[in-house]
Amino acid sequence: QVELEESGGGLVQPGGSLRLSCAGSPRIFRTYPMHWYRQAPGEQRKLVAGITSGGVTEYADSVKGRFTIERDNPRTVMYLQMNNLESEDTAVYYCHAQGDTEELWGKGTLVIVSS
């Protein structure tokens, strides 16, 4: 059973924008804090942004001012709006949800920033 599924990745030029989506089960969106992580080639997976069920957000320093995380709990979708993309943003982006007794991951969506 797929509980988190990302979409919206692709190829974009430097300076461009993309919006990633993460669709999930209603039970996740009721209470779970959710995050976007990314993993670039040869690197460890890193936190990009997080959002609580109530909408409190946090961001990695590298994306502050460029990325925006949002969630629509009734529609059970989380978003990552990415603006002014840089080549260093190239990575597989993963949706993550943290429950009291479980940790859930999507399969990831690839973002390539290149001219």
N, C-alpha and C. Protein backbone atom coordinates (compact mmCIF):
# COMPACT_ATOMS: atom_id res chain seq x y z
N GLN A 1 0.85 -1.19 0.00
CA GLN A 1 0.00 0.00 0.00
C GLN A 1 0.89 1.24 0.00
N VAL A 2 0.71 2.09 -1.00
CA VAL A 2 1.49 3.33 -1.10
C VAL A 2 0.82 4.38 -0.25
N GLU A 3 1.52 4.87 0.75
CA GLU A 3 0.93 5.87 1.65
C GLU A 3 1.37 7.28 1.33
N LEU A 4 2.52 7.42 0.67
CA LEU A 4 3.01 8.73 0.26
C LEU A 4 3.50 8.62 -1.17
N GLU A 5 3.08 9.53 -2.01
CA GLU A 5 3.50 9.49 -3.41
C GLU A 5 3.81 10.89 -3.91
N GLU A 6 5.06 11.06 -4.36
CA GLU A 6 5.50 12.34 -4.87
C GLU A 6 5.23 12.47 -6.36
N SER A 7 5.12 13.71 -6.82
CA SER A 7 5.03 14.01 -8.24
C SER A 7 5.53 15.42 -8.47
N GLY A 8 5.79 15.74 -9.73
CA GLY A 8 6.15 17.11 -10.08
C GLY A 8 7.60 17.35 -10.41
N GLY A 9 8.43 16.33 -10.28
CA GLY A 9 9.83 16.51 -10.62
C GLY A 9 10.04 16.65 -12.12
N GLY A 10 11.26 17.01 -12.50
CA GLY A 10 11.56 17.14 -13.91
C GLY A 10 12.83 17.93 -14.13
N LEU A 11 13.03 18.31 -15.38
CA LEU A 11 14.20 19.09 -15.78
C LEU A 11 13.81 20.56 -15.87
N VAL A 12 14.61 21.41 -15.24
CA VAL A 12 14.33 22.85 -15.26
C VAL A 12 15.65 23.60 -15.38
N GLN A 13 15.61 24.75 -16.01
CA GLN A 13 16.82 25.56 -16.16
C GLN A 13 17.12 26.31 -14.87
N PRO A 14 18.38 26.65 -14.65
CA PRO A 14 18.71 27.49 -13.49
C PRO A 14 17.88 28.77 -13.49
N GLY A 15 17.40 29.12 -12.30
CA GLY A 15 16.53 30.28 -12.17
C GLY A 15 15.05 29.96 -12.34
N GLY A 16 14.75 28.76 -12.77
CA GLY A 16 13.36 28.37 -12.98
C GLY A 16 12.67 27.90 -11.72
N SER A 17 11.43 27.44 -11.88
CA SER A 17 10.60 27.01 -10.75
C SER A 17 9.98 25.65 -11.02
N LEU A 18 9.71 24.94 -9.94
CA LEU A 18 8.95 23.69 -9.98
C LEU A 18 8.12 23.62 -8.72
N ARG A 19 7.01 22.91 -8.80
CA ARG A 19 6.23 22.62 -7.61
C ARG A 19 6.08 21.12 -7.47
N LEU A 20 6.57 20.61 -6.37
CA LEU A 20 6.43 19.19 -6.07
C LEU A 20 5.18 18.97 -5.24
N SER A 21 4.56 17.82 -5.43
CA SER A 21 3.39 17.44 -4.65
C SER A 21 3.63 16.10 -3.99
N CYS A 22 3.00 15.93 -2.84
CA CYS A 22 3.04 14.66 -2.12
C CYS A 22 1.63 14.34 -1.68
N ALA A 23 1.06 13.31 -2.25
CA ALA A 23 -0.28 12.87 -1.87
C ALA A 23 -0.17 11.74 -0.85
N GLY A 24 -1.08 11.75 0.11
CA GLY A 24 -1.00 10.74 1.15
C GLY A 24 -2.33 10.34 1.73
N SER A 25 -2.26 9.40 2.66
CA SER A 25 -3.46 8.91 3.31
C SER A 25 -4.01 9.96 4.29
N PRO A 26 -5.33 10.01 4.45
CA PRO A 26 -5.92 10.99 5.38
C PRO A 26 -5.37 10.90 6.79
N ARG A 27 -5.10 9.68 7.25
CA ARG A 27 -4.64 9.53 8.64
C ARG A 27 -3.29 10.24 8.85
N ILE A 28 -2.50 10.30 7.78
CA ILE A 28 -1.21 10.99 7.88
C ILE A 28 -1.44 12.48 8.04
N PHE A 29 -2.31 13.02 7.26
CA PHE A 29 -2.50 14.46 7.25
C PHE A 29 -3.26 14.96 8.48
N ARG A 30 -3.89 14.08 9.21
CA ARG A 30 -4.60 14.54 10.42
C ARG A 30 -3.64 15.07 11.47
N THR A 31 -2.52 14.37 11.68
CA THR A 31 -1.65 14.76 12.80
C THR A 31 -0.15 14.72 12.55
N TYR A 32 0.29 14.04 11.49
CA TYR A 32 1.73 13.80 11.35
C TYR A 32 2.46 15.04 10.89
N PRO A 33 3.59 15.38 11.53
CA PRO A 33 4.51 16.34 10.91
C PRO A 33 5.04 15.73 9.61
N MET A 34 5.24 16.58 8.60
CA MET A 34 5.70 16.08 7.31
C MET A 34 6.88 16.90 6.84
N HIS A 35 7.67 16.30 5.98
CA HIS A 35 8.91 16.93 5.54
C HIS A 35 9.18 16.62 4.08
N TRP A 36 10.02 17.43 3.49
CA TRP A 36 10.67 17.12 2.23
C TRP A 36 12.17 16.95 2.52
N TYR A 37 12.70 15.85 2.04
CA TYR A 37 14.13 15.59 2.07
C TYR A 37 14.63 15.52 0.63
N ARG A 38 15.93 15.63 0.46
CA ARG A 38 16.51 15.41 -0.86
C ARG A 38 17.85 14.70 -0.74
N GLN A 39 18.16 13.97 -1.79
CA GLN A 39 19.42 13.25 -1.83
C GLN A 39 20.07 13.46 -3.19
N ALA A 40 21.19 14.17 -3.17
CA ALA A 40 21.95 14.40 -4.39
C ALA A 40 22.89 13.22 -4.63
N PRO A 41 23.34 13.03 -5.87
CA PRO A 41 24.25 11.91 -6.17
C PRO A 41 25.48 11.93 -5.28
N GLY A 42 25.77 10.79 -4.66
CA GLY A 42 26.95 10.68 -3.82
C GLY A 42 26.84 11.32 -2.46
N GLU A 43 25.66 11.82 -2.10
CA GLU A 43 25.50 12.49 -0.82
C GLU A 43 24.43 11.79 0.02
N GLN A 44 24.42 12.15 1.30
CA GLN A 44 23.38 11.63 2.19
C GLN A 44 22.08 12.39 2.01
N ARG A 45 21.00 11.75 2.39
CA ARG A 45 19.69 12.40 2.35
C ARG A 45 19.67 13.53 3.39
N LYS A 46 19.15 14.68 2.99
CA LYS A 46 19.14 15.85 3.87
C LYS A 46 17.76 16.47 3.94
N LEU A 47 17.46 17.05 5.09
CA LEU A 47 16.20 17.73 5.28
C LEU A 47 16.18 19.03 4.47
N VAL A 48 15.09 19.24 3.74
CA VAL A 48 14.90 20.47 2.98
C VAL A 48 13.94 21.40 3.71
N ALA A 49 12.80 20.85 4.11
CA ALA A 49 11.77 21.66 4.77
C ALA A 49 10.82 20.75 5.53
N GLY A 50 10.17 21.31 6.54
CA GLY A 50 9.20 20.55 7.32
C GLY A 50 8.00 21.40 7.66
N ILE A 51 6.90 20.73 7.95
CA ILE A 51 5.67 21.44 8.32
C ILE A 51 4.86 20.57 9.26
N THR A 52 4.39 21.17 10.35
CA THR A 52 3.54 20.44 11.28
C THR A 52 2.11 20.38 10.76
N SER A 53 1.29 19.59 11.41
CA SER A 53 -0.11 19.49 11.00
C SER A 53 -0.82 20.84 11.14
N GLY A 54 -0.31 21.70 12.01
CA GLY A 54 -0.89 23.02 12.21
C GLY A 54 -0.30 24.10 11.33
N GLY A 55 0.72 23.72 10.52
CA GLY A 55 1.25 24.68 9.56
C GLY A 55 2.54 25.40 9.96
N VAL A 56 3.15 24.99 11.06
CA VAL A 56 4.43 25.60 11.44
C VAL A 56 5.53 25.02 10.54
N THR A 57 6.35 25.88 9.99
CA THR A 57 7.32 25.46 8.99
C THR A 57 8.77 25.65 9.45
N GLU A 58 9.65 24.90 8.83
CA GLU A 58 11.09 25.07 9.02
C GLU A 58 11.76 24.79 7.69
N TYR A 59 12.95 25.40 7.50
CA TYR A 59 13.66 25.26 6.24
C TYR A 59 15.16 25.09 6.48
N ALA A 60 15.79 24.35 5.59
CA ALA A 60 17.25 24.33 5.57
C ALA A 60 17.74 25.70 5.12
N ASP A 61 18.88 26.11 5.64
CA ASP A 61 19.41 27.43 5.29
C ASP A 61 19.60 27.58 3.78
N SER A 62 19.94 26.50 3.12
CA SER A 62 20.25 26.56 1.69
C SER A 62 19.04 26.87 0.82
N VAL A 63 17.82 26.72 1.37
CA VAL A 63 16.63 26.94 0.54
C VAL A 63 15.75 28.08 1.08
N LYS A 64 16.12 28.65 2.21
CA LYS A 64 15.32 29.74 2.78
C LYS A 64 15.19 30.88 1.78
N GLY A 65 13.97 31.37 1.63
CA GLY A 65 13.71 32.47 0.71
C GLY A 65 13.46 32.02 -0.72
N ARG A 66 13.73 30.75 -1.01
CA ARG A 66 13.51 30.25 -2.37
C ARG A 66 12.42 29.18 -2.42
N PHE A 67 12.34 28.35 -1.37
CA PHE A 67 11.38 27.24 -1.33
C PHE A 67 10.29 27.56 -0.31
N THR A 68 9.09 27.06 -0.59
CA THR A 68 7.96 27.20 0.33
C THR A 68 7.26 25.86 0.47
N ILE A 69 7.10 25.42 1.71
CA ILE A 69 6.38 24.18 1.98
C ILE A 69 4.97 24.51 2.46
N GLU A 70 4.01 23.76 1.95
CA GLU A 70 2.61 23.96 2.34
C GLU A 70 1.94 22.59 2.41
N ARG A 71 0.83 22.54 3.12
CA ARG A 71 0.05 21.31 3.15
C ARG A 71 -1.43 21.66 3.14
N ASP A 72 -2.18 20.87 2.43
CA ASP A 72 -3.63 21.01 2.38
C ASP A 72 -4.20 19.76 3.03
N ASN A 73 -4.49 19.87 4.31
CA ASN A 73 -4.92 18.68 5.05
C ASN A 73 -6.22 18.08 4.54
N PRO A 74 -7.25 18.87 4.26
CA PRO A 74 -8.49 18.26 3.74
C PRO A 74 -8.28 17.52 2.42
N ARG A 75 -7.39 18.04 1.58
CA ARG A 75 -7.13 17.38 0.29
C ARG A 75 -5.99 16.37 0.37
N THR A 76 -5.39 16.25 1.53
CA THR A 76 -4.29 15.31 1.80
C THR A 76 -3.16 15.42 0.79
N VAL A 77 -2.69 16.65 0.60
CA VAL A 77 -1.57 16.91 -0.30
C VAL A 77 -0.61 17.90 0.36
N MET A 78 0.67 17.63 0.21
CA MET A 78 1.70 18.56 0.66
C MET A 78 2.45 19.04 -0.58
N TYR A 79 2.92 20.27 -0.52
CA TYR A 79 3.59 20.86 -1.68
C TYR A 79 4.97 21.40 -1.28
N LEU A 80 5.82 21.48 -2.27
CA LEU A 80 7.08 22.20 -2.13
C LEU A 80 7.23 23.07 -3.37
N GLN A 81 7.02 24.36 -3.19
CA GLN A 81 7.22 25.32 -4.27
C GLN A 81 8.69 25.72 -4.28
N MET A 82 9.34 25.49 -5.38
CA MET A 82 10.78 25.75 -5.50
C MET A 82 11.00 26.82 -6.56
N ASN A 83 11.53 27.96 -6.14
CA ASN A 83 11.80 29.07 -7.05
C ASN A 83 13.30 29.34 -7.12
N ASN A 84 13.69 30.05 -8.17
CA ASN A 84 15.10 30.41 -8.34
C ASN A 84 16.01 29.20 -8.15
N LEU A 85 15.69 28.15 -8.85
CA LEU A 85 16.43 26.90 -8.69
C LEU A 85 17.86 27.03 -9.16
N GLU A 86 18.73 26.31 -8.46
CA GLU A 86 20.16 26.30 -8.75
C GLU A 86 20.60 24.87 -9.07
N SER A 87 21.74 24.75 -9.72
CA SER A 87 22.23 23.41 -10.07
C SER A 87 22.42 22.56 -8.82
N GLU A 88 22.75 23.21 -7.70
CA GLU A 88 22.95 22.48 -6.45
C GLU A 88 21.66 21.89 -5.89
N ASP A 89 20.52 22.29 -6.45
CA ASP A 89 19.24 21.73 -6.01
C ASP A 89 18.93 20.40 -6.71
N THR A 90 19.75 20.01 -7.65
CA THR A 90 19.55 18.74 -8.33
C THR A 90 19.63 17.58 -7.34
N ALA A 91 18.56 16.77 -7.30
CA ALA A 91 18.50 15.68 -6.33
C ALA A 91 17.21 14.91 -6.54
N VAL A 92 17.12 13.78 -5.87
CA VAL A 92 15.84 13.10 -5.72
C VAL A 92 15.19 13.66 -4.46
N TYR A 93 13.95 14.09 -4.59
CA TYR A 93 13.22 14.70 -3.49
C TYR A 93 12.21 13.68 -2.93
N TYR A 94 12.24 13.54 -1.61
CA TYR A 94 11.41 12.55 -0.93
C TYR A 94 10.43 13.22 0.02
N CYS A 95 9.24 12.70 0.03
CA CYS A 95 8.22 13.09 0.99
C CYS A 95 8.36 12.19 2.22
N HIS A 96 8.20 12.76 3.40
CA HIS A 96 8.39 12.01 4.65
C HIS A 96 7.33 12.42 5.65
N ALA A 97 6.86 11.45 6.41
CA ALA A 97 5.90 11.72 7.48
C ALA A 97 6.34 10.98 8.73
N GLN A 98 6.24 11.65 9.87
CA GLN A 98 6.70 11.07 11.13
C GLN A 98 5.53 10.87 12.07
N GLY A 99 5.19 9.62 12.30
CA GLY A 99 4.16 9.31 13.28
C GLY A 99 4.77 8.96 14.62
N ASP A 100 3.93 8.70 15.61
CA ASP A 100 4.43 8.33 16.93
C ASP A 100 5.16 7.00 16.90
N THR A 101 4.68 6.08 16.05
CA THR A 101 5.25 4.74 16.04
C THR A 101 5.71 4.30 14.65
N GLU A 102 5.70 5.21 13.70
CA GLU A 102 6.11 4.84 12.36
C GLU A 102 6.71 6.02 11.64
N GLU A 103 7.51 5.70 10.63
CA GLU A 103 8.13 6.70 9.79
C GLU A 103 7.85 6.28 8.35
N LEU A 104 7.31 7.19 7.57
CA LEU A 104 6.88 6.86 6.22
C LEU A 104 7.66 7.67 5.20
N TRP A 105 8.00 7.01 4.09
CA TRP A 105 8.72 7.66 3.00
C TRP A 105 8.03 7.39 1.67
N GLY A 106 8.05 8.38 0.79
CA GLY A 106 7.67 8.13 -0.58
C GLY A 106 8.86 7.58 -1.35
N LYS A 107 8.62 7.28 -2.63
CA LYS A 107 9.68 6.70 -3.46
C LYS A 107 10.58 7.75 -4.09
N GLY A 108 10.15 9.00 -4.04
CA GLY A 108 10.99 10.09 -4.53
C GLY A 108 10.63 10.54 -5.93
N THR A 109 11.00 11.79 -6.21
CA THR A 109 10.82 12.35 -7.54
C THR A 109 12.10 13.13 -7.89
N LEU A 110 12.59 12.94 -9.10
CA LEU A 110 13.87 13.49 -9.50
C LEU A 110 13.73 14.91 -10.03
N VAL A 111 14.55 15.79 -9.51
CA VAL A 111 14.63 17.17 -9.97
C VAL A 111 16.03 17.40 -10.53
N ILE A 112 16.10 17.84 -11.77
CA ILE A 112 17.39 18.16 -12.40
C ILE A 112 17.37 19.62 -12.81
N VAL A 113 18.33 20.37 -12.31
CA VAL A 113 18.46 21.78 -12.66
C VAL A 113 19.69 21.92 -13.55
N SER A 114 19.44 22.21 -14.81
CA SER A 114 20.53 22.25 -15.77
C SER A 114 20.13 23.05 -16.99
N SER A 115 21.12 23.71 -17.57
CA SER A 115 20.86 24.45 -18.80
C SER A 115 21.16 23.57 -20.02
